[in-house]
Amino acid sequence: MESIYYIPTPKQPRTPPHESSRDDRLRVQTLYYDAKWTIDDIILQTNLTRRQVEYALHHRPTPQKHSSGRYILLNTPKRK
């Protein structure tokens, strides 16, 4: 006869994912590119997740403004 054991595990509260700030992303880029730290060292030092560190290394520290995608109706010579 199979016996099924129930092992209770503590439930951890669900917290929203920690979003890294501009300063965190800038710090990660400085440590990686200028100080030549490894990703693992950065994770231990900054208390960020691996995904946050990888995001910081592949993106700019601040979001950039996107164009609206609409073409201008009058170019410069026609406006004059």
PDB file of N, CA and C in Angstrom:
ATOM      1  N   MET A   1       0.836  -1.170   0.000  1.00  0.00           N
ATOM      2  CA  MET A   1       0.000   0.000   0.000  1.00  0.00           C
ATOM      3  C   MET A   1       0.889   1.244   0.000  1.00  0.00           C
ATOM      4  N   GLU A   2       0.571   2.158  -0.886  1.00  0.00           N
ATOM      5  CA  GLU A   2       1.351   3.388  -0.970  1.00  0.00           C
ATOM      6  C   GLU A   2       0.944   4.328   0.146  1.00  0.00           C
ATOM      7  N   SER A   3       1.947   4.901   0.756  1.00  0.00           N
ATOM      8  CA  SER A   3       1.640   5.910   1.767  1.00  0.00           C
ATOM      9  C   SER A   3       2.083   7.267   1.225  1.00  0.00           C
ATOM     10  N   ILE A   4       1.232   8.231   1.390  1.00  0.00           N
ATOM     11  CA  ILE A   4       1.520   9.566   0.909  1.00  0.00           C
ATOM     12  C   ILE A   4       1.845  10.432   2.119  1.00  0.00           C
ATOM     13  N   TYR A   5       3.009  10.985   2.078  1.00  0.00           N
ATOM     14  CA  TYR A   5       3.434  11.849   3.173  1.00  0.00           C
ATOM     15  C   TYR A   5       3.196  13.295   2.798  1.00  0.00           C
ATOM     16  N   TYR A   6       2.667  14.020   3.737  1.00  0.00           N
ATOM     17  CA  TYR A   6       2.458  15.451   3.538  1.00  0.00           C
ATOM     18  C   TYR A   6       3.519  16.192   4.338  1.00  0.00           C
ATOM     19  N   ILE A   7       4.322  16.949   3.665  1.00  0.00           N
ATOM     20  CA  ILE A   7       5.359  17.722   4.323  1.00  0.00           C
ATOM     21  C   ILE A   7       4.933  19.182   4.265  1.00  0.00           C
ATOM     22  N   PRO A   8       4.619  19.766   5.398  1.00  0.00           N
ATOM     23  CA  PRO A   8       4.194  21.164   5.370  1.00  0.00           C
ATOM     24  C   PRO A   8       5.365  22.091   5.049  1.00  0.00           C
ATOM     25  N   THR A   9       5.100  23.039   4.221  1.00  0.00           N
ATOM     26  CA  THR A   9       6.118  24.029   3.893  1.00  0.00           C
ATOM     27  C   THR A   9       5.561  25.400   4.214  1.00  0.00           C
ATOM     28  N   PRO A  10       6.384  26.266   4.763  1.00  0.00           N
ATOM     29  CA  PRO A  10       5.879  27.595   5.092  1.00  0.00           C
ATOM     30  C   PRO A  10       5.565  28.382   3.828  1.00  0.00           C
ATOM     31  N   LYS A  11       4.460  29.075   3.860  1.00  0.00           N
ATOM     32  CA  LYS A  11       4.086  29.877   2.713  1.00  0.00           C
ATOM     33  C   LYS A  11       4.725  31.251   2.851  1.00  0.00           C
ATOM     34  N   GLN A  12       5.310  31.683   1.764  1.00  0.00           N
ATOM     35  CA  GLN A  12       5.929  32.992   1.786  1.00  0.00           C
ATOM     36  C   GLN A  12       4.963  33.994   1.184  1.00  0.00           C
ATOM     37  N   PRO A  13       4.919  35.189   1.754  1.00  0.00           N
ATOM     38  CA  PRO A  13       3.998  36.185   1.197  1.00  0.00           C
ATOM     39  C   PRO A  13       4.412  36.573  -0.209  1.00  0.00           C
ATOM     40  N   ARG A  14       3.417  36.771  -1.050  1.00  0.00           N
ATOM     41  CA  ARG A  14       3.702  37.183  -2.431  1.00  0.00           C
ATOM     42  C   ARG A  14       3.926  38.676  -2.448  1.00  0.00           C
ATOM     43  N   THR A  15       5.117  39.030  -2.764  1.00  0.00           N
ATOM     44  CA  THR A  15       5.433  40.444  -2.867  1.00  0.00           C
ATOM     45  C   THR A  15       5.566  40.792  -4.333  1.00  0.00           C
ATOM     46  N   PRO A  16       5.238  42.001  -4.698  1.00  0.00           N
ATOM     47  CA  PRO A  16       5.412  42.374  -6.096  1.00  0.00           C
ATOM     48  C   PRO A  16       6.890  42.330  -6.460  1.00  0.00           C
ATOM     49  N   PRO A  17       7.196  42.017  -7.696  1.00  0.00           N
ATOM     50  CA  PRO A  17       8.602  41.923  -8.081  1.00  0.00           C
ATOM     51  C   PRO A  17       9.297  43.264  -7.892  1.00  0.00           C
ATOM     52  N   HIS A  18      10.479  43.192  -7.344  1.00  0.00           N
ATOM     53  CA  HIS A  18      11.257  44.404  -7.091  1.00  0.00           C
ATOM     54  C   HIS A  18      11.736  44.969  -8.417  1.00  0.00           C
ATOM     55  N   GLU A  19      11.366  46.188  -8.668  1.00  0.00           N
ATOM     56  CA  GLU A  19      11.786  46.827  -9.911  1.00  0.00           C
ATOM     57  C   GLU A  19      13.069  47.601  -9.648  1.00  0.00           C
ATOM     58  N   SER A  20      14.058  47.374 -10.469  1.00  0.00           N
ATOM     59  CA  SER A  20      15.323  48.055 -10.251  1.00  0.00           C
ATOM     60  C   SER A  20      15.209  49.520 -10.681  1.00  0.00           C
ATOM     61  N   SER A  21      15.860  50.378  -9.933  1.00  0.00           N
ATOM     62  CA  SER A  21      15.795  51.804 -10.216  1.00  0.00           C
ATOM     63  C   SER A  21      16.868  52.183 -11.235  1.00  0.00           C
ATOM     64  N   ARG A  22      16.815  53.417 -11.669  1.00  0.00           N
ATOM     65  CA  ARG A  22      17.823  53.909 -12.604  1.00  0.00           C
ATOM     66  C   ARG A  22      19.205  53.840 -11.967  1.00  0.00           C
ATOM     67  N   ASP A  23      19.286  54.165 -10.678  1.00  0.00           N
ATOM     68  CA  ASP A  23      20.571  54.110  -9.982  1.00  0.00           C
ATOM     69  C   ASP A  23      21.116  52.687  -9.911  1.00  0.00           C
ATOM     70  N   ASP A  24      20.222  51.711  -9.688  1.00  0.00           N
ATOM     71  CA  ASP A  24      20.649  50.311  -9.669  1.00  0.00           C
ATOM     72  C   ASP A  24      21.199  49.891 -11.027  1.00  0.00           C
ATOM     73  N   ARG A  25      20.492  50.266 -12.100  1.00  0.00           N
ATOM     74  CA  ARG A  25      20.941  49.879 -13.441  1.00  0.00           C
ATOM     75  C   ARG A  25      22.271  50.543 -13.785  1.00  0.00           C
ATOM     76  N   LEU A  26      22.429  51.792 -13.389  1.00  0.00           N
ATOM     77  CA  LEU A  26      23.686  52.490 -13.637  1.00  0.00           C
ATOM     78  C   LEU A  26      24.822  51.867 -12.833  1.00  0.00           C
ATOM     79  N   ARG A  27      24.529  51.483 -11.594  1.00  0.00           N
ATOM     80  CA  ARG A  27      25.535  50.837 -10.749  1.00  0.00           C
ATOM     81  C   ARG A  27      25.972  49.498 -11.351  1.00  0.00           C
ATOM     82  N   VAL A  28      25.004  48.731 -11.858  1.00  0.00           N
ATOM     83  CA  VAL A  28      25.317  47.433 -12.469  1.00  0.00           C
ATOM     84  C   VAL A  28      26.211  47.632 -13.689  1.00  0.00           C
ATOM     85  N   GLN A  29      25.871  48.593 -14.537  1.00  0.00           N
ATOM     86  CA  GLN A  29      26.679  48.828 -15.734  1.00  0.00           C
ATOM     87  C   GLN A  29      28.084  49.298 -15.380  1.00  0.00           C
ATOM     88  N   THR A  30      28.208  50.123 -14.350  1.00  0.00           N
ATOM     89  CA  THR A  30      29.525  50.598 -13.938  1.00  0.00           C
ATOM     90  C   THR A  30      30.372  49.459 -13.395  1.00  0.00           C
ATOM     91  N   LEU A  31      29.778  48.628 -12.556  1.00  0.00           N
ATOM     92  CA  LEU A  31      30.530  47.505 -11.987  1.00  0.00           C
ATOM     93  C   LEU A  31      30.949  46.507 -13.066  1.00  0.00           C
ATOM     94  N   TYR A  32      30.073  46.279 -14.041  1.00  0.00           N
ATOM     95  CA  TYR A  32      30.374  45.275 -15.061  1.00  0.00           C
ATOM     96  C   TYR A  32      31.389  45.779 -16.088  1.00  0.00           C
ATOM     97  N   TYR A  33      31.144  46.973 -16.635  1.00  0.00           N
ATOM     98  CA  TYR A  33      31.983  47.452 -17.733  1.00  0.00           C
ATOM     99  C   TYR A  33      33.260  48.146 -17.260  1.00  0.00           C
ATOM    100  N   ASP A  34      33.189  48.913 -16.177  1.00  0.00           N
ATOM    101  CA  ASP A  34      34.362  49.661 -15.732  1.00  0.00           C
ATOM    102  C   ASP A  34      35.209  48.888 -14.714  1.00  0.00           C
ATOM    103  N   ALA A  35      34.546  48.266 -13.736  1.00  0.00           N
ATOM    104  CA  ALA A  35      35.282  47.557 -12.696  1.00  0.00           C
ATOM    105  C   ALA A  35      35.544  46.097 -13.065  1.00  0.00           C
ATOM    106  N   LYS A  36      34.967  45.632 -14.186  1.00  0.00           N
ATOM    107  CA  LYS A  36      35.173  44.254 -14.687  1.00  0.00           C
ATOM    108  C   LYS A  36      34.718  43.190 -13.690  1.00  0.00           C
ATOM    109  N   TRP A  37      33.609  43.448 -12.986  1.00  0.00           N
ATOM    110  CA  TRP A  37      33.045  42.453 -12.080  1.00  0.00           C
ATOM    111  C   TRP A  37      32.268  41.429 -12.900  1.00  0.00           C
ATOM    112  N   THR A  38      32.124  40.237 -12.355  1.00  0.00           N
ATOM    113  CA  THR A  38      31.295  39.219 -13.002  1.00  0.00           C
ATOM    114  C   THR A  38      29.832  39.445 -12.600  1.00  0.00           C
ATOM    115  N   ILE A  39      28.939  38.830 -13.339  1.00  0.00           N
ATOM    116  CA  ILE A  39      27.513  38.970 -13.038  1.00  0.00           C
ATOM    117  C   ILE A  39      27.199  38.397 -11.659  1.00  0.00           C
ATOM    118  N   ASP A  40      27.823  37.276 -11.309  1.00  0.00           N
ATOM    119  CA  ASP A  40      27.578  36.667  -9.998  1.00  0.00           C
ATOM    120  C   ASP A  40      28.028  37.582  -8.860  1.00  0.00           C
ATOM    121  N   ASP A  41      29.162  38.255  -9.026  1.00  0.00           N
ATOM    122  CA  ASP A  41      29.622  39.194  -7.996  1.00  0.00           C
ATOM    123  C   ASP A  41      28.661  40.370  -7.850  1.00  0.00           C
ATOM    124  N   ILE A  42      28.129  40.834  -8.976  1.00  0.00           N
ATOM    125  CA  ILE A  42      27.185  41.954  -8.937  1.00  0.00           C
ATOM    126  C   ILE A  42      25.902  41.546  -8.229  1.00  0.00           C
ATOM    127  N   ILE A  43      25.422  40.329  -8.486  1.00  0.00           N
ATOM    128  CA  ILE A  43      24.207  39.837  -7.844  1.00  0.00           C
ATOM    129  C   ILE A  43      24.388  39.789  -6.332  1.00  0.00           C
ATOM    130  N   LEU A  44      25.537  39.292  -5.884  1.00  0.00           N
ATOM    131  CA  LEU A  44      25.786  39.209  -4.442  1.00  0.00           C
ATOM    132  C   LEU A  44      25.908  40.592  -3.805  1.00  0.00           C
ATOM    133  N   GLN A  45      26.532  41.500  -4.482  1.00  0.00           N
ATOM    134  CA  GLN A  45      26.789  42.827  -3.915  1.00  0.00           C
ATOM    135  C   GLN A  45      25.539  43.711  -3.898  1.00  0.00           C
ATOM    136  N   THR A  46      24.733  43.657  -4.944  1.00  0.00           N
ATOM    137  CA  THR A  46      23.612  44.586  -5.076  1.00  0.00           C
ATOM    138  C   THR A  46      22.276  44.019  -4.622  1.00  0.00           C
ATOM    139  N   ASN A  47      22.195  42.731  -4.335  1.00  0.00           N
ATOM    140  CA  ASN A  47      20.954  42.095  -3.902  1.00  0.00           C
ATOM    141  C   ASN A  47      19.864  42.218  -4.969  1.00  0.00           C
ATOM    142  N   LEU A  48      20.248  42.094  -6.240  1.00  0.00           N
ATOM    143  CA  LEU A  48      19.305  42.073  -7.356  1.00  0.00           C
ATOM    144  C   LEU A  48      19.235  40.657  -7.902  1.00  0.00           C
ATOM    145  N   THR A  49      18.207  40.370  -8.663  1.00  0.00           N
ATOM    146  CA  THR A  49      18.099  39.056  -9.284  1.00  0.00           C
ATOM    147  C   THR A  49      18.951  39.019 -10.551  1.00  0.00           C
ATOM    148  N   ARG A  50      19.202  37.805 -11.030  1.00  0.00           N
ATOM    149  CA  ARG A  50      19.992  37.660 -12.251  1.00  0.00           C
ATOM    150  C   ARG A  50      19.297  38.336 -13.427  1.00  0.00           C
ATOM    151  N   ARG A  51      17.984  38.214 -13.484  1.00  0.00           N
ATOM    152  CA  ARG A  51      17.228  38.827 -14.584  1.00  0.00           C
ATOM    153  C   ARG A  51      17.350  40.351 -14.560  1.00  0.00           C
ATOM    154  N   GLN A  52      17.337  40.935 -13.369  1.00  0.00           N
ATOM    155  CA  GLN A  52      17.472  42.384 -13.272  1.00  0.00           C
ATOM    156  C   GLN A  52      18.848  42.841 -13.717  1.00  0.00           C
ATOM    157  N   VAL A  53      19.877  42.057 -13.369  1.00  0.00           N
ATOM    158  CA  VAL A  53      21.240  42.407 -13.777  1.00  0.00           C
ATOM    159  C   VAL A  53      21.380  42.273 -15.289  1.00  0.00           C
ATOM    160  N   GLU A  54      20.845  41.203 -15.861  1.00  0.00           N
ATOM    161  CA  GLU A  54      20.924  41.021 -17.307  1.00  0.00           C
ATOM    162  C   GLU A  54      20.159  42.119 -18.035  1.00  0.00           C
ATOM    163  N   TYR A  55      19.010  42.513 -17.487  1.00  0.00           N
ATOM    164  CA  TYR A  55      18.247  43.599 -18.099  1.00  0.00           C
ATOM    165  C   TYR A  55      19.056  44.893 -18.077  1.00  0.00           C
ATOM    166  N   ALA A  56      19.704  45.162 -16.954  1.00  0.00           N
ATOM    167  CA  ALA A  56      20.490  46.387 -16.820  1.00  0.00           C
ATOM    168  C   ALA A  56      21.657  46.408 -17.796  1.00  0.00           C
ATOM    169  N   LEU A  57      22.207  45.262 -18.107  1.00  0.00           N
ATOM    170  CA  LEU A  57      23.354  45.206 -19.012  1.00  0.00           C
ATOM    171  C   LEU A  57      22.938  45.316 -20.475  1.00  0.00           C
ATOM    172  N   HIS A  58      21.691  44.984 -20.788  1.00  0.00           N
ATOM    173  CA  HIS A  58      21.252  44.996 -22.184  1.00  0.00           C
ATOM    174  C   HIS A  58      20.389  46.199 -22.552  1.00  0.00           C
ATOM    175  N   HIS A  59      20.091  47.064 -21.579  1.00  0.00           N
ATOM    176  CA  HIS A  59      19.248  48.222 -21.840  1.00  0.00           C
ATOM    177  C   HIS A  59      19.902  49.480 -21.285  1.00  0.00           C
ATOM    178  N   ARG A  60      19.401  50.614 -21.735  1.00  0.00           N
ATOM    179  CA  ARG A  60      19.883  51.883 -21.210  1.00  0.00           C
ATOM    180  C   ARG A  60      19.361  52.084 -19.798  1.00  0.00           C
ATOM    181  N   PRO A  61      20.087  52.869 -18.983  1.00  0.00           N
ATOM    182  CA  PRO A  61      19.636  53.067 -17.597  1.00  0.00           C
ATOM    183  C   PRO A  61      18.268  53.741 -17.485  1.00  0.00           C
ATOM    184  N   THR A  62      17.951  54.635 -18.422  1.00  0.00           N
ATOM    185  CA  THR A  62      16.650  55.301 -18.375  1.00  0.00           C
ATOM    186  C   THR A  62      15.879  54.986 -19.643  1.00  0.00           C
ATOM    187  N   PRO A  63      14.555  54.872 -19.547  1.00  0.00           N
ATOM    188  CA  PRO A  63      13.775  54.626 -20.753  1.00  0.00           C
ATOM    189  C   PRO A  63      13.856  55.813 -21.700  1.00  0.00           C
ATOM    190  N   GLN A  64      13.874  55.538 -22.970  1.00  0.00           N
ATOM    191  CA  GLN A  64      13.995  56.582 -23.978  1.00  0.00           C
ATOM    192  C   GLN A  64      12.635  56.872 -24.579  1.00  0.00           C
ATOM    193  N   LYS A  65      12.444  58.117 -25.005  1.00  0.00           N
ATOM    194  CA  LYS A  65      11.181  58.522 -25.599  1.00  0.00           C
ATOM    195  C   LYS A  65      11.040  57.897 -26.988  1.00  0.00           C
ATOM    196  N   HIS A  66       9.896  57.311 -27.228  1.00  0.00           N
ATOM    197  CA  HIS A  66       9.625  56.713 -28.533  1.00  0.00           C
ATOM    198  C   HIS A  66       8.888  57.720 -29.398  1.00  0.00           C
ATOM    199  N   SER A  67       9.157  57.674 -30.681  1.00  0.00           N
ATOM    200  CA  SER A  67       8.426  58.559 -31.578  1.00  0.00           C
ATOM    201  C   SER A  67       7.012  58.024 -31.772  1.00  0.00           C
ATOM    202  N   SER A  68       6.115  58.889 -32.165  1.00  0.00           N
ATOM    203  CA  SER A  68       4.717  58.485 -32.300  1.00  0.00           C
ATOM    204  C   SER A  68       4.495  57.609 -33.529  1.00  0.00           C
ATOM    205  N   GLY A  69       5.424  57.652 -34.471  1.00  0.00           N
ATOM    206  CA  GLY A  69       5.287  56.841 -35.669  1.00  0.00           C
ATOM    207  C   GLY A  69       4.553  57.538 -36.791  1.00  0.00           C
ATOM    208  N   ARG A  70       4.057  58.718 -36.548  1.00  0.00           N
ATOM    209  CA  ARG A  70       3.335  59.454 -37.574  1.00  0.00           C
ATOM    210  C   ARG A  70       4.317  60.335 -38.340  1.00  0.00           C
ATOM    211  N   TYR A  71       4.168  60.357 -39.659  1.00  0.00           N
ATOM    212  CA  TYR A  71       5.034  61.185 -40.482  1.00  0.00           C
ATOM    213  C   TYR A  71       4.577  62.644 -40.420  1.00  0.00           C
ATOM    214  N   ILE A  72       5.513  63.557 -40.544  1.00  0.00           N
ATOM    215  CA  ILE A  72       5.133  64.959 -40.563  1.00  0.00           C
ATOM    216  C   ILE A  72       4.462  65.268 -41.904  1.00  0.00           C
ATOM    217  N   LEU A  73       3.468  66.131 -41.863  1.00  0.00           N
ATOM    218  CA  LEU A  73       2.696  66.410 -43.064  1.00  0.00           C
ATOM    219  C   LEU A  73       3.428  67.380 -43.985  1.00  0.00           C
ATOM    220  N   LEU A  74       4.108  68.347 -43.395  1.00  0.00           N
ATOM    221  CA  LEU A  74       4.854  69.317 -44.190  1.00  0.00           C
ATOM    222  C   LEU A  74       6.326  69.230 -43.829  1.00  0.00           C
ATOM    223  N   ASN A  75       7.148  68.989 -44.820  1.00  0.00           N
ATOM    224  CA  ASN A  75       8.573  68.985 -44.521  1.00  0.00           C
ATOM    225  C   ASN A  75       9.092  70.428 -44.576  1.00  0.00           C
ATOM    226  N   THR A  76      10.339  70.628 -44.249  1.00  0.00           N
ATOM    227  CA  THR A  76      10.893  71.982 -44.100  1.00  0.00           C
ATOM    228  C   THR A  76      10.780  72.844 -45.353  1.00  0.00           C
ATOM    229  N   PRO A  77      11.113  72.367 -46.539  1.00  0.00           N
ATOM    230  CA  PRO A  77      10.997  73.258 -47.719  1.00  0.00           C
ATOM    231  C   PRO A  77       9.559  73.698 -47.990  1.00  0.00           C
ATOM    232  N   LYS A  78       8.575  72.825 -47.795  1.00  0.00           N
ATOM    233  CA  LYS A  78       7.176  73.194 -48.043  1.00  0.00           C
ATOM    234  C   LYS A  78       6.671  74.189 -47.009  1.00  0.00           C
ATOM    235  N   ARG A  79       7.181  74.086 -45.763  1.00  0.00           N
ATOM    236  CA  ARG A  79       6.749  74.999 -44.724  1.00  0.00           C
ATOM    237  C   ARG A  79       7.203  76.420 -45.031  1.00  0.00           C
ATOM    238  N   LYS A  80       8.384  76.562 -45.599  1.00  0.00           N
ATOM    239  CA  LYS A  80       8.904  77.890 -45.911  1.00  0.00           C
ATOM    240  C   LYS A  80       8.127  78.480 -47.072  1.00  0.00           C
TER     241      LYS A  80
END
